[in-house]
Amino acid sequence: MAHEKLPHHHGEKSEEVFEKIPPNEAFSQIAEVFSLLGDKTRAKIFWILSNCEDCVINISAMTEMSSPAVMHHLKLLKMAGLIVSRREGKEVYYKAAETQTSKMLHKALDDLMNLT
């Protein structure tokens, strides 16, 4: 019985939630994404790349940062799967990944921007 898994039986809702708790690994992945976007520079870069595809030089200008600093942030966002890149000749272009996670985060950022 489900109520035997919890120390106290306070109703069915607690038991339902308890049985649906995702594995700790899922929460680790979520915490990593929020940690990445907890940095205002990465949040800004992600927002920019959710709205357009662009190169490091332009992203540097938009963020008023050096290209090496921007590259550092791009690397972290790319490793997390939030952005992708493509090469065209010598130029590399970046944009938000076409994933459900990236789309949801973009919407969340836009919604939060509208609240402030």
PDB file of N, CA and C in Angstrom:
ATOM      1  N   MET A   1       0.834  -1.186   0.000  1.00  0.00           N
ATOM      2  CA  MET A   1       0.000   0.000   0.000  1.00  0.00           C
ATOM      3  C   MET A   1       0.877   1.246   0.000  1.00  0.00           C
ATOM      4  N   ALA A   2       0.426   2.266  -0.686  1.00  0.00           N
ATOM      5  CA  ALA A   2       1.209   3.484  -0.854  1.00  0.00           C
ATOM      6  C   ALA A   2       1.466   4.200   0.463  1.00  0.00           C
ATOM      7  N   HIS A   3       0.465   4.236   1.366  1.00  0.00           N
ATOM      8  CA  HIS A   3       0.645   4.996   2.614  1.00  0.00           C
ATOM      9  C   HIS A   3       1.707   4.390   3.518  1.00  0.00           C
ATOM     10  N   GLU A   4       2.090   3.144   3.269  1.00  0.00           N
ATOM     11  CA  GLU A   4       3.145   2.535   4.063  1.00  0.00           C
ATOM     12  C   GLU A   4       4.523   3.076   3.696  1.00  0.00           C
ATOM     13  N   LYS A   5       4.643   3.768   2.573  1.00  0.00           N
ATOM     14  CA  LYS A   5       5.921   4.331   2.141  1.00  0.00           C
ATOM     15  C   LYS A   5       6.243   5.637   2.863  1.00  0.00           C
ATOM     16  N   LEU A   6       5.225   6.340   3.288  1.00  0.00           N
ATOM     17  CA  LEU A   6       5.427   7.605   3.991  1.00  0.00           C
ATOM     18  C   LEU A   6       5.263   7.387   5.495  1.00  0.00           C
ATOM     19  N   PRO A   7       6.032   8.115   6.309  1.00  0.00           N
ATOM     20  CA  PRO A   7       5.934   7.946   7.768  1.00  0.00           C
ATOM     21  C   PRO A   7       4.556   8.288   8.322  1.00  0.00           C
ATOM     22  N   HIS A   8       3.883   9.292   7.740  1.00  0.00           N
ATOM     23  CA  HIS A   8       2.560   9.695   8.217  1.00  0.00           C
ATOM     24  C   HIS A   8       1.583   9.684   7.056  1.00  0.00           C
ATOM     25  N   HIS A   9       0.377   9.288   7.340  1.00  0.00           N
ATOM     26  CA  HIS A   9      -0.673   9.259   6.319  1.00  0.00           C
ATOM     27  C   HIS A   9      -1.561  10.493   6.512  1.00  0.00           C
ATOM     28  N   HIS A  10      -1.423  11.468   5.587  1.00  0.00           N
ATOM     29  CA  HIS A  10      -2.204  12.710   5.669  1.00  0.00           C
ATOM     30  C   HIS A  10      -3.189  12.851   4.519  1.00  0.00           C
ATOM     31  N   GLY A  11      -3.292  11.856   3.710  1.00  0.00           N
ATOM     32  CA  GLY A  11      -4.238  11.908   2.609  1.00  0.00           C
ATOM     33  C   GLY A  11      -3.629  11.390   1.320  1.00  0.00           C
ATOM     34  N   GLU A  12      -4.485  11.199   0.357  1.00  0.00           N
ATOM     35  CA  GLU A  12      -4.085  10.614  -0.921  1.00  0.00           C
ATOM     36  C   GLU A  12      -3.160  11.519  -1.734  1.00  0.00           C
ATOM     37  N   LYS A  13      -3.317  12.825  -1.620  1.00  0.00           N
ATOM     38  CA  LYS A  13      -2.527  13.742  -2.442  1.00  0.00           C
ATOM     39  C   LYS A  13      -1.030  13.574  -2.180  1.00  0.00           C
ATOM     40  N   SER A  14      -0.641  13.497  -0.925  1.00  0.00           N
ATOM     41  CA  SER A  14       0.774  13.312  -0.584  1.00  0.00           C
ATOM     42  C   SER A  14       1.302  12.009  -1.164  1.00  0.00           C
ATOM     43  N   GLU A  15       0.510  10.979  -1.094  1.00  0.00           N
ATOM     44  CA  GLU A  15       0.922   9.678  -1.611  1.00  0.00           C
ATOM     45  C   GLU A  15       1.077   9.712  -3.122  1.00  0.00           C
ATOM     46  N   GLU A  16       0.140  10.393  -3.806  1.00  0.00           N
ATOM     47  CA  GLU A  16       0.218  10.521  -5.268  1.00  0.00           C
ATOM     48  C   GLU A  16       1.490  11.265  -5.673  1.00  0.00           C
ATOM     49  N   VAL A  17       1.774  12.351  -4.982  1.00  0.00           N
ATOM     50  CA  VAL A  17       2.978  13.138  -5.276  1.00  0.00           C
ATOM     51  C   VAL A  17       4.217  12.301  -5.002  1.00  0.00           C
ATOM     52  N   PHE A  18       4.241  11.608  -3.890  1.00  0.00           N
ATOM     53  CA  PHE A  18       5.380  10.786  -3.509  1.00  0.00           C
ATOM     54  C   PHE A  18       5.704   9.746  -4.587  1.00  0.00           C
ATOM     55  N   GLU A  19       4.674   9.135  -5.131  1.00  0.00           N
ATOM     56  CA  GLU A  19       4.865   8.104  -6.147  1.00  0.00           C
ATOM     57  C   GLU A  19       5.311   8.671  -7.486  1.00  0.00           C
ATOM     58  N   LYS A  20       5.083   9.969  -7.728  1.00  0.00           N
ATOM     59  CA  LYS A  20       5.422  10.593  -9.005  1.00  0.00           C
ATOM     60  C   LYS A  20       6.732  11.374  -8.973  1.00  0.00           C
ATOM     61  N   ILE A  21       7.412  11.421  -7.845  1.00  0.00           N
ATOM     62  CA  ILE A  21       8.644  12.210  -7.744  1.00  0.00           C
ATOM     63  C   ILE A  21       9.663  11.678  -8.744  1.00  0.00           C
ATOM     64  N   PRO A  22      10.145  12.550  -9.640  1.00  0.00           N
ATOM     65  CA  PRO A  22      11.171  12.126 -10.601  1.00  0.00           C
ATOM     66  C   PRO A  22      12.468  11.748  -9.882  1.00  0.00           C
ATOM     67  N   PRO A  23      13.348  11.029 -10.561  1.00  0.00           N
ATOM     68  CA  PRO A  23      14.621  10.648  -9.935  1.00  0.00           C
ATOM     69  C   PRO A  23      15.497  11.869  -9.646  1.00  0.00           C
ATOM     70  N   ASN A  24      16.409  11.726  -8.707  1.00  0.00           N
ATOM     71  CA  ASN A  24      17.295  12.829  -8.321  1.00  0.00           C
ATOM     72  C   ASN A  24      18.087  13.375  -9.506  1.00  0.00           C
ATOM     73  N   GLU A  25      18.438  12.515 -10.461  1.00  0.00           N
ATOM     74  CA  GLU A  25      19.190  12.952 -11.643  1.00  0.00           C
ATOM     75  C   GLU A  25      18.430  14.038 -12.418  1.00  0.00           C
ATOM     76  N   ALA A  26      17.125  13.897 -12.510  1.00  0.00           N
ATOM     77  CA  ALA A  26      16.309  14.897 -13.207  1.00  0.00           C
ATOM     78  C   ALA A  26      16.410  16.253 -12.512  1.00  0.00           C
ATOM     79  N   PHE A  27      16.369  16.245 -11.187  1.00  0.00           N
ATOM     80  CA  PHE A  27      16.484  17.503 -10.443  1.00  0.00           C
ATOM     81  C   PHE A  27      17.890  18.093 -10.575  1.00  0.00           C
ATOM     82  N   SER A  28      18.889  17.241 -10.678  1.00  0.00           N
ATOM     83  CA  SER A  28      20.266  17.715 -10.886  1.00  0.00           C
ATOM     84  C   SER A  28      20.386  18.432 -12.223  1.00  0.00           C
ATOM     85  N   GLN A  29      19.770  17.869 -13.256  1.00  0.00           N
ATOM     86  CA  GLN A  29      19.819  18.492 -14.580  1.00  0.00           C
ATOM     87  C   GLN A  29      19.094  19.836 -14.585  1.00  0.00           C
ATOM     88  N   ILE A  30      17.961  19.887 -13.937  1.00  0.00           N
ATOM     89  CA  ILE A  30      17.204  21.137 -13.859  1.00  0.00           C
ATOM     90  C   ILE A  30      17.999  22.194 -13.101  1.00  0.00           C
ATOM     91  N   ALA A  31      18.600  21.795 -11.984  1.00  0.00           N
ATOM     92  CA  ALA A  31      19.389  22.731 -11.183  1.00  0.00           C
ATOM     93  C   ALA A  31      20.571  23.262 -11.991  1.00  0.00           C
ATOM     94  N   GLU A  32      21.176  22.411 -12.815  1.00  0.00           N
ATOM     95  CA  GLU A  32      22.301  22.850 -13.648  1.00  0.00           C
ATOM     96  C   GLU A  32      21.866  23.911 -14.648  1.00  0.00           C
ATOM     97  N   VAL A  33      20.718  23.706 -15.285  1.00  0.00           N
ATOM     98  CA  VAL A  33      20.212  24.686 -16.255  1.00  0.00           C
ATOM     99  C   VAL A  33      19.917  26.008 -15.558  1.00  0.00           C
ATOM    100  N   PHE A  34      19.237  25.947 -14.412  1.00  0.00           N
ATOM    101  CA  PHE A  34      18.927  27.181 -13.691  1.00  0.00           C
ATOM    102  C   PHE A  34      20.196  27.859 -13.186  1.00  0.00           C
ATOM    103  N   SER A  35      21.179  27.075 -12.816  1.00  0.00           N
ATOM    104  CA  SER A  35      22.460  27.634 -12.380  1.00  0.00           C
ATOM    105  C   SER A  35      23.123  28.384 -13.531  1.00  0.00           C
ATOM    106  N   LEU A  36      23.089  27.781 -14.715  1.00  0.00           N
ATOM    107  CA  LEU A  36      23.672  28.449 -15.890  1.00  0.00           C
ATOM    108  C   LEU A  36      22.971  29.771 -16.176  1.00  0.00           C
ATOM    109  N   LEU A  37      21.653  29.751 -16.161  1.00  0.00           N
ATOM    110  CA  LEU A  37      20.895  30.964 -16.470  1.00  0.00           C
ATOM    111  C   LEU A  37      20.787  31.899 -15.271  1.00  0.00           C
ATOM    112  N   GLY A  38      21.302  31.468 -14.122  1.00  0.00           N
ATOM    113  CA  GLY A  38      21.366  32.332 -12.953  1.00  0.00           C
ATOM    114  C   GLY A  38      22.415  33.414 -13.100  1.00  0.00           C
ATOM    115  N   ASP A  39      23.292  33.252 -14.082  1.00  0.00           N
ATOM    116  CA  ASP A  39      24.292  34.267 -14.403  1.00  0.00           C
ATOM    117  C   ASP A  39      23.657  35.245 -15.395  1.00  0.00           C
ATOM    118  N   LYS A  40      23.652  36.545 -15.060  1.00  0.00           N
ATOM    119  CA  LYS A  40      22.947  37.525 -15.906  1.00  0.00           C
ATOM    120  C   LYS A  40      23.516  37.589 -17.317  1.00  0.00           C
ATOM    121  N   THR A  41      24.812  37.382 -17.477  1.00  0.00           N
ATOM    122  CA  THR A  41      25.410  37.430 -18.813  1.00  0.00           C
ATOM    123  C   THR A  41      24.923  36.267 -19.654  1.00  0.00           C
ATOM    124  N   ARG A  42      24.914  35.068 -19.085  1.00  0.00           N
ATOM    125  CA  ARG A  42      24.441  33.909 -19.846  1.00  0.00           C
ATOM    126  C   ARG A  42      22.951  34.024 -20.124  1.00  0.00           C
ATOM    127  N   ALA A  43      22.195  34.542 -19.185  1.00  0.00           N
ATOM    128  CA  ALA A  43      20.760  34.744 -19.418  1.00  0.00           C
ATOM    129  C   ALA A  43      20.559  35.710 -20.589  1.00  0.00           C
ATOM    130  N   LYS A  44      21.356  36.761 -20.629  1.00  0.00           N
ATOM    131  CA  LYS A  44      21.251  37.745 -21.716  1.00  0.00           C
ATOM    132  C   LYS A  44      21.649  37.123 -23.048  1.00  0.00           C
ATOM    133  N   ILE A  45      22.747  36.381 -23.063  1.00  0.00           N
ATOM    134  CA  ILE A  45      23.192  35.733 -24.300  1.00  0.00           C
ATOM    135  C   ILE A  45      22.145  34.730 -24.777  1.00  0.00           C
ATOM    136  N   PHE A  46      21.608  33.944 -23.847  1.00  0.00           N
ATOM    137  CA  PHE A  46      20.571  32.977 -24.229  1.00  0.00           C
ATOM    138  C   PHE A  46      19.357  33.697 -24.788  1.00  0.00           C
ATOM    139  N   TRP A  47      18.955  34.789 -24.164  1.00  0.00           N
ATOM    140  CA  TRP A  47      17.802  35.560 -24.659  1.00  0.00           C
ATOM    141  C   TRP A  47      18.076  36.073 -26.069  1.00  0.00           C
ATOM    142  N   ILE A  48      19.263  36.628 -26.294  1.00  0.00           N
ATOM    143  CA  ILE A  48      19.633  37.125 -27.627  1.00  0.00           C
ATOM    144  C   ILE A  48      19.534  36.005 -28.652  1.00  0.00           C
ATOM    145  N   LEU A  49      20.120  34.852 -28.317  1.00  0.00           N
ATOM    146  CA  LEU A  49      20.154  33.742 -29.264  1.00  0.00           C
ATOM    147  C   LEU A  49      18.811  33.038 -29.407  1.00  0.00           C
ATOM    148  N   SER A  50      17.896  33.308 -28.514  1.00  0.00           N
ATOM    149  CA  SER A  50      16.529  32.798 -28.661  1.00  0.00           C
ATOM    150  C   SER A  50      15.752  33.649 -29.656  1.00  0.00           C
ATOM    151  N   ASN A  51      16.262  34.846 -29.907  1.00  0.00           N
ATOM    152  CA  ASN A  51      15.576  35.770 -30.812  1.00  0.00           C
ATOM    153  C   ASN A  51      16.270  35.935 -32.150  1.00  0.00           C
ATOM    154  N   CYS A  52      17.523  35.501 -32.263  1.00  0.00           N
ATOM    155  CA  CYS A  52      18.224  35.590 -33.546  1.00  0.00           C
ATOM    156  C   CYS A  52      19.432  34.666 -33.545  1.00  0.00           C
ATOM    157  N   GLU A  53      19.929  34.395 -34.724  1.00  0.00           N
ATOM    158  CA  GLU A  53      21.176  33.657 -34.883  1.00  0.00           C
ATOM    159  C   GLU A  53      22.254  34.693 -35.149  1.00  0.00           C
ATOM    160  N   ASP A  54      23.402  34.579 -34.469  1.00  0.00           N
ATOM    161  CA  ASP A  54      24.435  35.594 -34.687  1.00  0.00           C
ATOM    162  C   ASP A  54      25.816  35.057 -34.371  1.00  0.00           C
ATOM    163  N   CYS A  55      26.817  35.858 -34.745  1.00  0.00           N
ATOM    164  CA  CYS A  55      28.222  35.487 -34.557  1.00  0.00           C
ATOM    165  C   CYS A  55      28.754  36.080 -33.250  1.00  0.00           C
ATOM    166  N   VAL A  56      29.923  35.605 -32.841  1.00  0.00           N
ATOM    167  CA  VAL A  56      30.532  36.032 -31.582  1.00  0.00           C
ATOM    168  C   VAL A  56      30.761  37.543 -31.559  1.00  0.00           C
ATOM    169  N   ILE A  57      31.234  38.105 -32.660  1.00  0.00           N
ATOM    170  CA  ILE A  57      31.526  39.546 -32.709  1.00  0.00           C
ATOM    171  C   ILE A  57      30.268  40.362 -32.406  1.00  0.00           C
ATOM    172  N   ASN A  58      29.152  40.001 -33.028  1.00  0.00           N
ATOM    173  CA  ASN A  58      27.909  40.737 -32.775  1.00  0.00           C
ATOM    174  C   ASN A  58      27.380  40.500 -31.367  1.00  0.00           C
ATOM    175  N   ILE A  59      27.495  39.260 -30.892  1.00  0.00           N
ATOM    176  CA  ILE A  59      27.059  38.968 -29.525  1.00  0.00           C
ATOM    177  C   ILE A  59      27.915  39.763 -28.540  1.00  0.00           C
ATOM    178  N   SER A  60      29.204  39.860 -28.819  1.00  0.00           N
ATOM    179  CA  SER A  60      30.103  40.658 -27.972  1.00  0.00           C
ATOM    180  C   SER A  60      29.662  42.113 -27.925  1.00  0.00           C
ATOM    181  N   ALA A  61      29.305  42.656 -29.083  1.00  0.00           N
ATOM    182  CA  ALA A  61      28.855  44.050 -29.143  1.00  0.00           C
ATOM    183  C   ALA A  61      27.544  44.238 -28.375  1.00  0.00           C
ATOM    184  N   MET A  62      26.621  43.281 -28.530  1.00  0.00           N
ATOM    185  CA  MET A  62      25.323  43.385 -27.858  1.00  0.00           C
ATOM    186  C   MET A  62      25.453  43.279 -26.340  1.00  0.00           C
ATOM    187  N   THR A  63      26.443  42.533 -25.871  1.00  0.00           N
ATOM    188  CA  THR A  63      26.623  42.335 -24.431  1.00  0.00           C
ATOM    189  C   THR A  63      27.701  43.240 -23.844  1.00  0.00           C
ATOM    190  N   GLU A  64      28.378  43.998 -24.714  1.00  0.00           N
ATOM    191  CA  GLU A  64      29.471  44.890 -24.308  1.00  0.00           C
ATOM    192  C   GLU A  64      30.551  44.112 -23.562  1.00  0.00           C
ATOM    193  N   MET A  65      30.901  42.951 -24.128  1.00  0.00           N
ATOM    194  CA  MET A  65      31.929  42.084 -23.543  1.00  0.00           C
ATOM    195  C   MET A  65      32.954  41.728 -24.612  1.00  0.00           C
ATOM    196  N   SER A  66      34.106  41.259 -24.167  1.00  0.00           N
ATOM    197  CA  SER A  66      35.120  40.818 -25.111  1.00  0.00           C
ATOM    198  C   SER A  66      34.696  39.498 -25.753  1.00  0.00           C
ATOM    199  N   SER A  67      35.222  39.237 -26.937  1.00  0.00           N
ATOM    200  CA  SER A  67      34.916  37.977 -27.623  1.00  0.00           C
ATOM    201  C   SER A  67      35.328  36.750 -26.811  1.00  0.00           C
ATOM    202  N   PRO A  68      36.529  36.751 -26.187  1.00  0.00           N
ATOM    203  CA  PRO A  68      36.885  35.575 -25.379  1.00  0.00           C
ATOM    204  C   PRO A  68      35.914  35.336 -24.213  1.00  0.00           C
ATOM    205  N   ALA A  69      35.449  36.399 -23.584  1.00  0.00           N
ATOM    206  CA  ALA A  69      34.492  36.249 -22.480  1.00  0.00           C
ATOM    207  C   ALA A  69      33.173  35.671 -23.001  1.00  0.00           C
ATOM    208  N   VAL A  70      32.719  36.169 -24.132  1.00  0.00           N
ATOM    209  CA  VAL A  70      31.482  35.658 -24.735  1.00  0.00           C
ATOM    210  C   VAL A  70      31.656  34.188 -25.109  1.00  0.00           C
ATOM    211  N   MET A  71      32.813  33.846 -25.678  1.00  0.00           N
ATOM    212  CA  MET A  71      33.076  32.458 -26.063  1.00  0.00           C
ATOM    213  C   MET A  71      32.981  31.522 -24.851  1.00  0.00           C
ATOM    214  N   HIS A  72      33.470  31.982 -23.718  1.00  0.00           N
ATOM    215  CA  HIS A  72      33.389  31.174 -22.495  1.00  0.00           C
ATOM    216  C   HIS A  72      31.929  30.866 -22.154  1.00  0.00           C
ATOM    217  N   HIS A  73      31.087  31.877 -22.193  1.00  0.00           N
ATOM    218  CA  HIS A  73      29.674  31.693 -21.875  1.00  0.00           C
ATOM    219  C   HIS A  73      28.983  30.829 -22.931  1.00  0.00           C
ATOM    220  N   LEU A  74      29.330  31.034 -24.196  1.00  0.00           N
ATOM    221  CA  LEU A  74      28.742  30.231 -25.269  1.00  0.00           C
ATOM    222  C   LEU A  74      29.091  28.753 -25.093  1.00  0.00           C
ATOM    223  N   LYS A  75      30.314  28.486 -24.701  1.00  0.00           N
ATOM    224  CA  LYS A  75      30.754  27.103 -24.490  1.00  0.00           C
ATOM    225  C   LYS A  75      29.900  26.418 -23.419  1.00  0.00           C
ATOM    226  N   LEU A  76      29.661  27.115 -22.308  1.00  0.00           N
ATOM    227  CA  LEU A  76      28.852  26.553 -21.226  1.00  0.00           C
ATOM    228  C   LEU A  76      27.403  26.311 -21.665  1.00  0.00           C
ATOM    229  N   LEU A  77      26.837  27.280 -22.374  1.00  0.00           N
ATOM    230  CA  LEU A  77      25.463  27.130 -22.856  1.00  0.00           C
ATOM    231  C   LEU A  77      25.353  25.992 -23.869  1.00  0.00           C
ATOM    232  N   LYS A  78      26.364  25.851 -24.697  1.00  0.00           N
ATOM    233  CA  LYS A  78      26.367  24.790 -25.705  1.00  0.00           C
ATOM    234  C   LYS A  78      26.523  23.421 -25.045  1.00  0.00           C
ATOM    235  N   MET A  79      27.397  23.318 -24.056  1.00  0.00           N
ATOM    236  CA  MET A  79      27.588  22.050 -23.343  1.00  0.00           C
ATOM    237  C   MET A  79      26.298  21.602 -22.647  1.00  0.00           C
ATOM    238  N   ALA A  80      25.498  22.553 -22.230  1.00  0.00           N
ATOM    239  CA  ALA A  80      24.222  22.247 -21.581  1.00  0.00           C
ATOM    240  C   ALA A  80      23.128  21.931 -22.591  1.00  0.00           C
ATOM    241  N   GLY A  81      23.413  22.101 -23.876  1.00  0.00           N
ATOM    242  CA  GLY A  81      22.436  21.808 -24.914  1.00  0.00           C
ATOM    243  C   GLY A  81      21.408  22.896 -25.137  1.00  0.00           C
ATOM    244  N   LEU A  82      21.673  24.099 -24.595  1.00  0.00           N
ATOM    245  CA  LEU A  82      20.713  25.190 -24.751  1.00  0.00           C
ATOM    246  C   LEU A  82      20.899  25.946 -26.061  1.00  0.00           C
ATOM    247  N   ILE A  83      22.110  25.923 -26.611  1.00  0.00           N
ATOM    248  CA  ILE A  83      22.377  26.588 -27.890  1.00  0.00           C
ATOM    249  C   ILE A  83      23.102  25.616 -28.817  1.00  0.00           C
ATOM    250  N   VAL A  84      23.060  25.948 -30.098  1.00  0.00           N
ATOM    251  CA  VAL A  84      23.775  25.183 -31.125  1.00  0.00           C
ATOM    252  C   VAL A  84      24.559  26.162 -31.985  1.00  0.00           C
ATOM    253  N   SER A  85      25.495  25.626 -32.742  1.00  0.00           N
ATOM    254  CA  SER A  85      26.283  26.479 -33.633  1.00  0.00           C
ATOM    255  C   SER A  85      26.381  25.835 -34.999  1.00  0.00           C
ATOM    256  N   ARG A  86      26.696  26.672 -35.971  1.00  0.00           N
ATOM    257  CA  ARG A  86      26.958  26.179 -37.322  1.00  0.00           C
ATOM    258  C   ARG A  86      28.051  27.049 -37.927  1.00  0.00           C
ATOM    259  N   ARG A  87      28.871  26.447 -38.745  1.00  0.00           N
ATOM    260  CA  ARG A  87      29.973  27.159 -39.382  1.00  0.00           C
ATOM    261  C   ARG A  87      29.589  27.480 -40.822  1.00  0.00           C
ATOM    262  N   GLU A  88      29.878  28.705 -41.222  1.00  0.00           N
ATOM    263  CA  GLU A  88      29.701  29.137 -42.609  1.00  0.00           C
ATOM    264  C   GLU A  88      30.986  29.840 -43.013  1.00  0.00           C
ATOM    265  N   GLY A  89      31.844  29.131 -43.748  1.00  0.00           N
ATOM    266  CA  GLY A  89      33.162  29.662 -44.062  1.00  0.00           C
ATOM    267  C   GLY A  89      33.974  29.770 -42.785  1.00  0.00           C
ATOM    268  N   LYS A  90      34.497  30.952 -42.517  1.00  0.00           N
ATOM    269  CA  LYS A  90      35.276  31.175 -41.298  1.00  0.00           C
ATOM    270  C   LYS A  90      34.401  31.597 -40.121  1.00  0.00           C
ATOM    271  N   GLU A  91      33.167  31.913 -40.400  1.00  0.00           N
ATOM    272  CA  GLU A  91      32.268  32.445 -39.366  1.00  0.00           C
ATOM    273  C   GLU A  91      31.476  31.324 -38.696  1.00  0.00           C
ATOM    274  N   VAL A  92      31.303  31.430 -37.380  1.00  0.00           N
ATOM    275  CA  VAL A  92      30.470  30.492 -36.623  1.00  0.00           C
ATOM    276  C   VAL A  92      29.266  31.273 -36.103  1.00  0.00           C
ATOM    277  N   TYR A  93      28.092  30.723 -36.345  1.00  0.00           N
ATOM    278  CA  TYR A  93      26.847  31.350 -35.921  1.00  0.00           C
ATOM    279  C   TYR A  93      26.217  30.520 -34.810  1.00  0.00           C
ATOM    280  N   TYR A  94      25.627  31.205 -33.854  1.00  0.00           N
ATOM    281  CA  TYR A  94      24.998  30.561 -32.701  1.00  0.00           C
ATOM    282  C   TYR A  94      23.529  30.932 -32.640  1.00  0.00           C
ATOM    283  N   LYS A  95      22.736  30.002 -32.126  1.00  0.00           N
ATOM    284  CA  LYS A  95      21.307  30.256 -31.891  1.00  0.00           C
ATOM    285  C   LYS A  95      20.831  29.289 -30.822  1.00  0.00           C
ATOM    286  N   ALA A  96      19.658  29.559 -30.278  1.00  0.00           N
ATOM    287  CA  ALA A  96      19.064  28.661 -29.286  1.00  0.00           C
ATOM    288  C   ALA A  96      18.751  27.328 -29.946  1.00  0.00           C
ATOM    289  N   ALA A  97      18.943  26.269 -29.218  1.00  0.00           N
ATOM    290  CA  ALA A  97      18.640  24.933 -29.730  1.00  0.00           C
ATOM    291  C   ALA A  97      17.134  24.811 -29.967  1.00  0.00           C
ATOM    292  N   GLU A  98      16.776  24.002 -30.933  1.00  0.00           N
ATOM    293  CA  GLU A  98      15.362  23.771 -31.246  1.00  0.00           C
ATOM    294  C   GLU A  98      14.838  22.622 -30.379  1.00  0.00           C
ATOM    295  N   THR A  99      14.966  22.781 -29.071  1.00  0.00           N
ATOM    296  CA  THR A  99      14.493  21.754 -28.148  1.00  0.00           C
ATOM    297  C   THR A  99      13.347  22.308 -27.328  1.00  0.00           C
ATOM    298  N   GLN A 100      12.580  21.416 -26.752  1.00  0.00           N
ATOM    299  CA  GLN A 100      11.470  21.849 -25.903  1.00  0.00           C
ATOM    300  C   GLN A 100      11.993  22.636 -24.701  1.00  0.00           C
ATOM    301  N   THR A 101      13.128  22.207 -24.147  1.00  0.00           N
ATOM    302  CA  THR A 101      13.710  22.901 -23.000  1.00  0.00           C
ATOM    303  C   THR A 101      14.070  24.334 -23.361  1.00  0.00           C
ATOM    304  N   SER A 102      14.764  24.517 -24.481  1.00  0.00           N
ATOM    305  CA  SER A 102      15.159  25.870 -24.895  1.00  0.00           C
ATOM    306  C   SER A 102      13.947  26.746 -25.174  1.00  0.00           C
ATOM    307  N   LYS A 103      12.954  26.182 -25.821  1.00  0.00           N
ATOM    308  CA  LYS A 103      11.747  26.960 -26.134  1.00  0.00           C
ATOM    309  C   LYS A 103      11.019  27.378 -24.860  1.00  0.00           C
ATOM    310  N   MET A 104      10.940  26.457 -23.897  1.00  0.00           N
ATOM    311  CA  MET A 104      10.274  26.779 -22.631  1.00  0.00           C
ATOM    312  C   MET A 104      11.051  27.839 -21.859  1.00  0.00           C
ATOM    313  N   LEU A 105      12.379  27.724 -21.850  1.00  0.00           N
ATOM    314  CA  LEU A 105      13.201  28.716 -21.148  1.00  0.00           C
ATOM    315  C   LEU A 105      13.096  30.078 -21.812  1.00  0.00           C
ATOM    316  N   HIS A 106      13.049  30.093 -23.141  1.00  0.00           N
ATOM    317  CA  HIS A 106      12.891  31.367 -23.858  1.00  0.00           C
ATOM    318  C   HIS A 106      11.566  32.016 -23.469  1.00  0.00           C
ATOM    319  N   LYS A 107      10.503  31.237 -23.472  1.00  0.00           N
ATOM    320  CA  LYS A 107       9.197  31.778 -23.091  1.00  0.00           C
ATOM    321  C   LYS A 107       9.218  32.272 -21.645  1.00  0.00           C
ATOM    322  N   ALA A 108       9.843  31.495 -20.766  1.00  0.00           N
ATOM    323  CA  ALA A 108       9.921  31.896 -19.355  1.00  0.00           C
ATOM    324  C   ALA A 108      10.683  33.210 -19.202  1.00  0.00           C
ATOM    325  N   LEU A 109      11.804  33.352 -19.919  1.00  0.00           N
ATOM    326  CA  LEU A 109      12.567  34.604 -19.861  1.00  0.00           C
ATOM    327  C   LEU A 109      11.731  35.775 -20.359  1.00  0.00           C
ATOM    328  N   ASP A 110      11.036  35.578 -21.491  1.00  0.00           N
ATOM    329  CA  ASP A 110      10.195  36.648 -22.017  1.00  0.00           C
ATOM    330  C   ASP A 110       9.090  37.011 -21.033  1.00  0.00           C
ATOM    331  N   ASP A 111       8.459  36.002 -20.457  1.00  0.00           N
ATOM    332  CA  ASP A 111       7.389  36.262 -19.483  1.00  0.00           C
ATOM    333  C   ASP A 111       7.931  37.012 -18.267  1.00  0.00           C
ATOM    334  N   LEU A 112       9.093  36.604 -17.778  1.00  0.00           N
ATOM    335  CA  LEU A 112       9.687  37.276 -16.619  1.00  0.00           C
ATOM    336  C   LEU A 112      10.097  38.704 -16.957  1.00  0.00           C
ATOM    337  N   MET A 113      10.584  38.932 -18.173  1.00  0.00           N
ATOM    338  CA  MET A 113      10.961  40.287 -18.589  1.00  0.00           C
ATOM    339  C   MET A 113       9.734  41.203 -18.592  1.00  0.00           C
ATOM    340  N   ASN A 114       8.590  40.657 -18.971  1.00  0.00           N
ATOM    341  CA  ASN A 114       7.361  41.437 -18.994  1.00  0.00           C
ATOM    342  C   ASN A 114       6.862  41.781 -17.597  1.00  0.00           C
ATOM    343  N   LEU A 115       7.272  41.000 -16.598  1.00  0.00           N
ATOM    344  CA  LEU A 115       6.847  41.259 -15.219  1.00  0.00           C
ATOM    345  C   LEU A 115       7.674  42.367 -14.570  1.00  0.00           C
ATOM    346  N   THR A 116       8.911  42.560 -15.053  1.00  0.00           N
ATOM    347  CA  THR A 116       9.788  43.544 -14.420  1.00  0.00           C
ATOM    348  C   THR A 116       9.593  44.922 -14.997  1.00  0.00           C
TER     349      THR A 116
END
